[in-house]
Amino acid sequence: MMPPCKISTLMSKEEVIEKVAYVLREGVNSKIWGAFNPPSLDDYAKWNWIDWLTYFKSSGNHLMQSFLGKAIRRVNGQ
């Protein structure tokens, strides 16, 4: 399986935040995830990513764990 989009080191932090927000929003709107006990669906911004990461870990979604982990590291400058 492929990640929903690529997070590049060439992307600005704002671009990463926008990409992740888009992916989370589209996944929820398409009912791909978020059906059972999801984090706040109104807030896809950076400060809510840890809740989403926990959600994906608990549901065994390794692809999204990896995607969000990479985004978090990129935004935090690691």
PDB file of N, CA and C in Angstrom:
ATOM      1  N   MET A   1       0.831  -1.186   0.000  1.00  0.00           N
ATOM      2  CA  MET A   1       0.000   0.000   0.000  1.00  0.00           C
ATOM      3  C   MET A   1       0.872   1.244   0.000  1.00  0.00           C
ATOM      4  N   MET A   2       0.341   2.276  -0.583  1.00  0.00           N
ATOM      5  CA  MET A   2       1.048   3.544  -0.701  1.00  0.00           C
ATOM      6  C   MET A   2       0.465   4.559   0.282  1.00  0.00           C
ATOM      7  N   PRO A   3       1.303   5.467   0.791  1.00  0.00           N
ATOM      8  CA  PRO A   3       0.766   6.535   1.648  1.00  0.00           C
ATOM      9  C   PRO A   3      -0.186   7.415   0.844  1.00  0.00           C
ATOM     10  N   PRO A   4      -1.083   8.120   1.525  1.00  0.00           N
ATOM     11  CA  PRO A   4      -2.067   8.948   0.822  1.00  0.00           C
ATOM     12  C   PRO A   4      -1.440  10.076   0.007  1.00  0.00           C
ATOM     13  N   CYS A   5      -0.300  10.558   0.431  1.00  0.00           N
ATOM     14  CA  CYS A   5       0.470  11.533  -0.340  1.00  0.00           C
ATOM     15  C   CYS A   5       1.881  11.543   0.223  1.00  0.00           C
ATOM     16  N   LYS A   6       2.791  12.136  -0.507  1.00  0.00           N
ATOM     17  CA  LYS A   6       4.190  12.151  -0.100  1.00  0.00           C
ATOM     18  C   LYS A   6       4.485  13.398   0.729  1.00  0.00           C
ATOM     19  N   ILE A   7       5.186  13.178   1.836  1.00  0.00           N
ATOM     20  CA  ILE A   7       5.684  14.283   2.664  1.00  0.00           C
ATOM     21  C   ILE A   7       7.167  14.425   2.335  1.00  0.00           C
ATOM     22  N   SER A   8       7.530  15.549   1.773  1.00  0.00           N
ATOM     23  CA  SER A   8       8.896  15.786   1.336  1.00  0.00           C
ATOM     24  C   SER A   8       9.599  16.762   2.270  1.00  0.00           C
ATOM     25  N   THR A   9      10.904  16.601   2.387  1.00  0.00           N
ATOM     26  CA  THR A   9      11.691  17.548   3.175  1.00  0.00           C
ATOM     27  C   THR A   9      11.744  18.913   2.492  1.00  0.00           C
ATOM     28  N   LEU A  10      11.357  18.968   1.234  1.00  0.00           N
ATOM     29  CA  LEU A  10      11.336  20.237   0.507  1.00  0.00           C
ATOM     30  C   LEU A  10      10.058  21.035   0.757  1.00  0.00           C
ATOM     31  N   MET A  11       9.075  20.395   1.373  1.00  0.00           N
ATOM     32  CA  MET A  11       7.804  21.068   1.660  1.00  0.00           C
ATOM     33  C   MET A  11       7.954  21.971   2.879  1.00  0.00           C
ATOM     34  N   SER A  12       7.273  23.097   2.843  1.00  0.00           N
ATOM     35  CA  SER A  12       7.252  23.964   4.023  1.00  0.00           C
ATOM     36  C   SER A  12       6.375  23.319   5.097  1.00  0.00           C
ATOM     37  N   LYS A  13       6.519  23.779   6.314  1.00  0.00           N
ATOM     38  CA  LYS A  13       5.678  23.264   7.400  1.00  0.00           C
ATOM     39  C   LYS A  13       4.206  23.508   7.099  1.00  0.00           C
ATOM     40  N   GLU A  14       3.905  24.663   6.533  1.00  0.00           N
ATOM     41  CA  GLU A  14       2.516  24.991   6.199  1.00  0.00           C
ATOM     42  C   GLU A  14       1.956  24.031   5.154  1.00  0.00           C
ATOM     43  N   GLU A  15       2.791  23.675   4.167  1.00  0.00           N
ATOM     44  CA  GLU A  15       2.351  22.719   3.142  1.00  0.00           C
ATOM     45  C   GLU A  15       2.071  21.350   3.753  1.00  0.00           C
ATOM     46  N   VAL A  16       2.924  20.926   4.675  1.00  0.00           N
ATOM     47  CA  VAL A  16       2.723  19.639   5.340  1.00  0.00           C
ATOM     48  C   VAL A  16       1.413  19.664   6.125  1.00  0.00           C
ATOM     49  N   ILE A  17       1.191  20.731   6.872  1.00  0.00           N
ATOM     50  CA  ILE A  17      -0.040  20.854   7.663  1.00  0.00           C
ATOM     51  C   ILE A  17      -1.264  20.816   6.748  1.00  0.00           C
ATOM     52  N   GLU A  18      -1.209  21.522   5.627  1.00  0.00           N
ATOM     53  CA  GLU A  18      -2.330  21.521   4.677  1.00  0.00           C
ATOM     54  C   GLU A  18      -2.573  20.133   4.097  1.00  0.00           C
ATOM     55  N   LYS A  19      -1.500  19.421   3.729  1.00  0.00           N
ATOM     56  CA  LYS A  19      -1.634  18.072   3.161  1.00  0.00           C
ATOM     57  C   LYS A  19      -2.266  17.119   4.161  1.00  0.00           C
ATOM     58  N   VAL A  20      -1.773  17.144   5.395  1.00  0.00           N
ATOM     59  CA  VAL A  20      -2.304  16.239   6.416  1.00  0.00           C
ATOM     60  C   VAL A  20      -3.765  16.567   6.702  1.00  0.00           C
ATOM     61  N   ALA A  21      -4.092  17.844   6.818  1.00  0.00           N
ATOM     62  CA  ALA A  21      -5.483  18.236   7.055  1.00  0.00           C
ATOM     63  C   ALA A  21      -6.376  17.729   5.931  1.00  0.00           C
ATOM     64  N   TYR A  22      -5.911  17.850   4.700  1.00  0.00           N
ATOM     65  CA  TYR A  22      -6.680  17.378   3.546  1.00  0.00           C
ATOM     66  C   TYR A  22      -6.898  15.866   3.619  1.00  0.00           C
ATOM     67  N   VAL A  23      -5.835  15.120   3.895  1.00  0.00           N
ATOM     68  CA  VAL A  23      -5.932  13.654   3.958  1.00  0.00           C
ATOM     69  C   VAL A  23      -6.889  13.225   5.066  1.00  0.00           C
ATOM     70  N   LEU A  24      -6.766  13.815   6.247  1.00  0.00           N
ATOM     71  CA  LEU A  24      -7.660  13.454   7.354  1.00  0.00           C
ATOM     72  C   LEU A  24      -9.110  13.797   7.022  1.00  0.00           C
ATOM     73  N   ARG A  25      -9.320  14.977   6.505  1.00  0.00           N
ATOM     74  CA  ARG A  25     -10.680  15.422   6.166  1.00  0.00           C
ATOM     75  C   ARG A  25     -11.304  14.519   5.099  1.00  0.00           C
ATOM     76  N   GLU A  26     -10.547  14.206   4.051  1.00  0.00           N
ATOM     77  CA  GLU A  26     -11.067  13.348   2.982  1.00  0.00           C
ATOM     78  C   GLU A  26     -11.329  11.931   3.478  1.00  0.00           C
ATOM     79  N   GLY A  27     -10.467  11.425   4.349  1.00  0.00           N
ATOM     80  CA  GLY A  27     -10.685  10.092   4.909  1.00  0.00           C
ATOM     81  C   GLY A  27     -11.952  10.010   5.731  1.00  0.00           C
ATOM     82  N   VAL A  28     -12.203  11.039   6.513  1.00  0.00           N
ATOM     83  CA  VAL A  28     -13.425  11.082   7.329  1.00  0.00           C
ATOM     84  C   VAL A  28     -14.644  11.256   6.429  1.00  0.00           C
ATOM     85  N   ASN A  29     -14.576  12.184   5.487  1.00  0.00           N
ATOM     86  CA  ASN A  29     -15.710  12.434   4.594  1.00  0.00           C
ATOM     87  C   ASN A  29     -16.059  11.213   3.751  1.00  0.00           C
ATOM     88  N   SER A  30     -15.036  10.427   3.394  1.00  0.00           N
ATOM     89  CA  SER A  30     -15.248   9.218   2.594  1.00  0.00           C
ATOM     90  C   SER A  30     -15.556   8.001   3.452  1.00  0.00           C
ATOM     91  N   LYS A  31     -15.563   8.211   4.778  1.00  0.00           N
ATOM     92  CA  LYS A  31     -15.815   7.135   5.744  1.00  0.00           C
ATOM     93  C   LYS A  31     -14.778   6.012   5.648  1.00  0.00           C
ATOM     94  N   ILE A  32     -13.540   6.403   5.283  1.00  0.00           N
ATOM     95  CA  ILE A  32     -12.436   5.450   5.267  1.00  0.00           C
ATOM     96  C   ILE A  32     -12.008   5.169   6.701  1.00  0.00           C
ATOM     97  N   TRP A  33     -12.023   6.182   7.540  1.00  0.00           N
ATOM     98  CA  TRP A  33     -11.734   6.028   8.961  1.00  0.00           C
ATOM     99  C   TRP A  33     -12.575   7.019   9.740  1.00  0.00           C
ATOM    100  N   GLY A  34     -12.539   6.890  11.029  1.00  0.00           N
ATOM    101  CA  GLY A  34     -13.256   7.815  11.893  1.00  0.00           C
ATOM    102  C   GLY A  34     -14.657   7.376  12.250  1.00  0.00           C
ATOM    103  N   ALA A  35     -15.035   6.139  11.904  1.00  0.00           N
ATOM    104  CA  ALA A  35     -16.394   5.680  12.198  1.00  0.00           C
ATOM    105  C   ALA A  35     -16.585   5.393  13.689  1.00  0.00           C
ATOM    106  N   PHE A  36     -15.539   4.913  14.365  1.00  0.00           N
ATOM    107  CA  PHE A  36     -15.645   4.531  15.770  1.00  0.00           C
ATOM    108  C   PHE A  36     -14.662   5.328  16.616  1.00  0.00           C
ATOM    109  N   ASN A  37     -15.183   6.148  17.502  1.00  0.00           N
ATOM    110  CA  ASN A  37     -14.383   6.918  18.466  1.00  0.00           C
ATOM    111  C   ASN A  37     -13.225   7.686  17.835  1.00  0.00           C
ATOM    112  N   PRO A  38     -13.479   8.469  16.809  1.00  0.00           N
ATOM    113  CA  PRO A  38     -12.384   9.222  16.208  1.00  0.00           C
ATOM    114  C   PRO A  38     -12.030  10.440  17.053  1.00  0.00           C
ATOM    115  N   PRO A  39     -10.849  11.001  16.837  1.00  0.00           N
ATOM    116  CA  PRO A  39     -10.529  12.285  17.451  1.00  0.00           C
ATOM    117  C   PRO A  39     -11.478  13.346  16.899  1.00  0.00           C
ATOM    118  N   SER A  40     -11.342  14.538  17.385  1.00  0.00           N
ATOM    119  CA  SER A  40     -12.187  15.644  16.926  1.00  0.00           C
ATOM    120  C   SER A  40     -12.184  15.714  15.405  1.00  0.00           C
ATOM    121  N   LEU A  41     -13.362  15.709  14.830  1.00  0.00           N
ATOM    122  CA  LEU A  41     -13.468  15.771  13.377  1.00  0.00           C
ATOM    123  C   LEU A  41     -13.528  17.203  12.875  1.00  0.00           C
ATOM    124  N   ASP A  42     -13.621  18.154  13.779  1.00  0.00           N
ATOM    125  CA  ASP A  42     -13.697  19.557  13.381  1.00  0.00           C
ATOM    126  C   ASP A  42     -12.327  20.211  13.302  1.00  0.00           C
ATOM    127  N   ASP A  43     -11.308  19.517  13.796  1.00  0.00           N
ATOM    128  CA  ASP A  43     -10.003  20.144  13.934  1.00  0.00           C
ATOM    129  C   ASP A  43      -8.926  19.218  13.390  1.00  0.00           C
ATOM    130  N   TYR A  44      -8.432  19.517  12.201  1.00  0.00           N
ATOM    131  CA  TYR A  44      -7.407  18.690  11.575  1.00  0.00           C
ATOM    132  C   TYR A  44      -6.031  19.331  11.679  1.00  0.00           C
ATOM    133  N   ALA A  45      -5.929  20.403  12.418  1.00  0.00           N
ATOM    134  CA  ALA A  45      -4.670  21.134  12.496  1.00  0.00           C
ATOM    135  C   ALA A  45      -3.622  20.355  13.285  1.00  0.00           C
ATOM    136  N   LYS A  46      -2.427  20.838  13.226  1.00  0.00           N
ATOM    137  CA  LYS A  46      -1.258  20.159  13.794  1.00  0.00           C
ATOM    138  C   LYS A  46      -1.449  19.725  15.236  1.00  0.00           C
ATOM    139  N   TRP A  47      -2.067  20.551  16.055  1.00  0.00           N
ATOM    140  CA  TRP A  47      -2.166  20.238  17.481  1.00  0.00           C
ATOM    141  C   TRP A  47      -3.045  19.024  17.755  1.00  0.00           C
ATOM    142  N   ASN A  48      -3.774  18.539  16.788  1.00  0.00           N
ATOM    143  CA  ASN A  48      -4.640  17.379  16.969  1.00  0.00           C
ATOM    144  C   ASN A  48      -4.033  16.111  16.382  1.00  0.00           C
ATOM    145  N   TRP A  49      -2.863  16.183  15.788  1.00  0.00           N
ATOM    146  CA  TRP A  49      -2.277  15.021  15.115  1.00  0.00           C
ATOM    147  C   TRP A  49      -1.952  13.889  16.073  1.00  0.00           C
ATOM    148  N   ILE A  50      -1.539  14.190  17.284  1.00  0.00           N
ATOM    149  CA  ILE A  50      -1.207  13.130  18.240  1.00  0.00           C
ATOM    150  C   ILE A  50      -2.445  12.297  18.542  1.00  0.00           C
ATOM    151  N   ASP A  51      -3.601  12.942  18.667  1.00  0.00           N
ATOM    152  CA  ASP A  51      -4.846  12.195  18.874  1.00  0.00           C
ATOM    153  C   ASP A  51      -5.135  11.288  17.688  1.00  0.00           C
ATOM    154  N   TRP A  52      -4.925  11.803  16.480  1.00  0.00           N
ATOM    155  CA  TRP A  52      -5.140  10.979  15.292  1.00  0.00           C
ATOM    156  C   TRP A  52      -4.119   9.849  15.227  1.00  0.00           C
ATOM    157  N   LEU A  53      -2.879  10.106  15.584  1.00  0.00           N
ATOM    158  CA  LEU A  53      -1.857   9.063  15.589  1.00  0.00           C
ATOM    159  C   LEU A  53      -2.250   7.956  16.556  1.00  0.00           C
ATOM    160  N   THR A  54      -2.720   8.318  17.731  1.00  0.00           N
ATOM    161  CA  THR A  54      -3.195   7.337  18.714  1.00  0.00           C
ATOM    162  C   THR A  54      -4.369   6.544  18.152  1.00  0.00           C
ATOM    163  N   TYR A  55      -5.276   7.230  17.483  1.00  0.00           N
ATOM    164  CA  TYR A  55      -6.433   6.566  16.867  1.00  0.00           C
ATOM    165  C   TYR A  55      -5.975   5.527  15.836  1.00  0.00           C
ATOM    166  N   PHE A  56      -5.042   5.906  14.971  1.00  0.00           N
ATOM    167  CA  PHE A  56      -4.569   4.980  13.941  1.00  0.00           C
ATOM    168  C   PHE A  56      -3.788   3.817  14.551  1.00  0.00           C
ATOM    169  N   LYS A  57      -3.051   4.054  15.629  1.00  0.00           N
ATOM    170  CA  LYS A  57      -2.361   2.959  16.322  1.00  0.00           C
ATOM    171  C   LYS A  57      -3.366   1.977  16.893  1.00  0.00           C
ATOM    172  N   SER A  58      -4.409   2.495  17.533  1.00  0.00           N
ATOM    173  CA  SER A  58      -5.398   1.610  18.165  1.00  0.00           C
ATOM    174  C   SER A  58      -6.195   0.822  17.134  1.00  0.00           C
ATOM    175  N   SER A  59      -6.321   1.352  15.924  1.00  0.00           N
ATOM    176  CA  SER A  59      -7.064   0.641  14.883  1.00  0.00           C
ATOM    177  C   SER A  59      -6.148  -0.196  13.988  1.00  0.00           C
ATOM    178  N   GLY A  60      -4.841  -0.167  14.262  1.00  0.00           N
ATOM    179  CA  GLY A  60      -3.899  -0.984  13.500  1.00  0.00           C
ATOM    180  C   GLY A  60      -3.619  -0.467  12.095  1.00  0.00           C
ATOM    181  N   ASN A  61      -3.844   0.809  11.859  1.00  0.00           N
ATOM    182  CA  ASN A  61      -3.621   1.392  10.538  1.00  0.00           C
ATOM    183  C   ASN A  61      -2.163   1.858  10.448  1.00  0.00           C
ATOM    184  N   HIS A  62      -1.280   0.925  10.075  1.00  0.00           N
ATOM    185  CA  HIS A  62       0.156   1.197  10.047  1.00  0.00           C
ATOM    186  C   HIS A  62       0.537   2.233   8.990  1.00  0.00           C
ATOM    187  N   LEU A  63      -0.166   2.239   7.880  1.00  0.00           N
ATOM    188  CA  LEU A  63       0.132   3.197   6.819  1.00  0.00           C
ATOM    189  C   LEU A  63      -0.078   4.634   7.303  1.00  0.00           C
ATOM    190  N   MET A  64      -1.204   4.879   7.956  1.00  0.00           N
ATOM    191  CA  MET A  64      -1.474   6.227   8.457  1.00  0.00           C
ATOM    192  C   MET A  64      -0.597   6.568   9.663  1.00  0.00           C
ATOM    193  N   GLN A  65      -0.219   5.577  10.454  1.00  0.00           N
ATOM    194  CA  GLN A  65       0.725   5.828  11.551  1.00  0.00           C
ATOM    195  C   GLN A  65       2.032   6.360  10.975  1.00  0.00           C
ATOM    196  N   SER A  66       2.520   5.699   9.940  1.00  0.00           N
ATOM    197  CA  SER A  66       3.768   6.099   9.312  1.00  0.00           C
ATOM    198  C   SER A  66       3.644   7.484   8.677  1.00  0.00           C
ATOM    199  N   PHE A  67       2.554   7.717   7.967  1.00  0.00           N
ATOM    200  CA  PHE A  67       2.314   9.001   7.307  1.00  0.00           C
ATOM    201  C   PHE A  67       2.288  10.140   8.325  1.00  0.00           C
ATOM    202  N   LEU A  68       1.503   9.973   9.390  1.00  0.00           N
ATOM    203  CA  LEU A  68       1.408  11.029  10.405  1.00  0.00           C
ATOM    204  C   LEU A  68       2.712  11.192  11.169  1.00  0.00           C
ATOM    205  N   GLY A  69       3.384  10.081  11.459  1.00  0.00           N
ATOM    206  CA  GLY A  69       4.672  10.162  12.145  1.00  0.00           C
ATOM    207  C   GLY A  69       5.673  10.982  11.354  1.00  0.00           C
ATOM    208  N   LYS A  70       5.712  10.744  10.043  1.00  0.00           N
ATOM    209  CA  LYS A  70       6.616  11.504   9.178  1.00  0.00           C
ATOM    210  C   LYS A  70       6.225  12.982   9.156  1.00  0.00           C
ATOM    211  N   ALA A  71       4.939  13.262   9.084  1.00  0.00           N
ATOM    212  CA  ALA A  71       4.472  14.653   9.076  1.00  0.00           C
ATOM    213  C   ALA A  71       4.826  15.354  10.383  1.00  0.00           C
ATOM    214  N   ILE A  72       4.633  14.677  11.494  1.00  0.00           N
ATOM    215  CA  ILE A  72       4.955  15.260  12.804  1.00  0.00           C
ATOM    216  C   ILE A  72       6.443  15.564  12.893  1.00  0.00           C
ATOM    217  N   ARG A  73       7.276  14.613  12.465  1.00  0.00           N
ATOM    218  CA  ARG A  73       8.726  14.842  12.493  1.00  0.00           C
ATOM    219  C   ARG A  73       9.107  16.020  11.593  1.00  0.00           C
ATOM    220  N   ARG A  74       8.490  16.111  10.426  1.00  0.00           N
ATOM    221  CA  ARG A  74       8.807  17.195   9.487  1.00  0.00           C
ATOM    222  C   ARG A  74       8.420  18.558  10.068  1.00  0.00           C
ATOM    223  N   VAL A  75       7.240  18.646  10.641  1.00  0.00           N
ATOM    224  CA  VAL A  75       6.766  19.917  11.195  1.00  0.00           C
ATOM    225  C   VAL A  75       7.577  20.311  12.428  1.00  0.00           C
ATOM    226  N   ASN A  76       8.018  19.315  13.192  1.00  0.00           N
ATOM    227  CA  ASN A  76       8.821  19.597  14.383  1.00  0.00           C
ATOM    228  C   ASN A  76      10.290  19.799  14.053  1.00  0.00           C
ATOM    229  N   GLY A  77      10.645  19.734  12.767  1.00  0.00           N
ATOM    230  CA  GLY A  77      12.010  20.004  12.338  1.00  0.00           C
ATOM    231  C   GLY A  77      12.987  18.885  12.584  1.00  0.00           C
ATOM    232  N   GLN A  78      12.506  17.668  12.644  1.00  0.00           N
ATOM    233  CA  GLN A  78      13.406  16.526  12.887  1.00  0.00           C
ATOM    234  C   GLN A  78      13.719  15.801  11.605  1.00  0.00           C
TER     235      GLN A  78
END
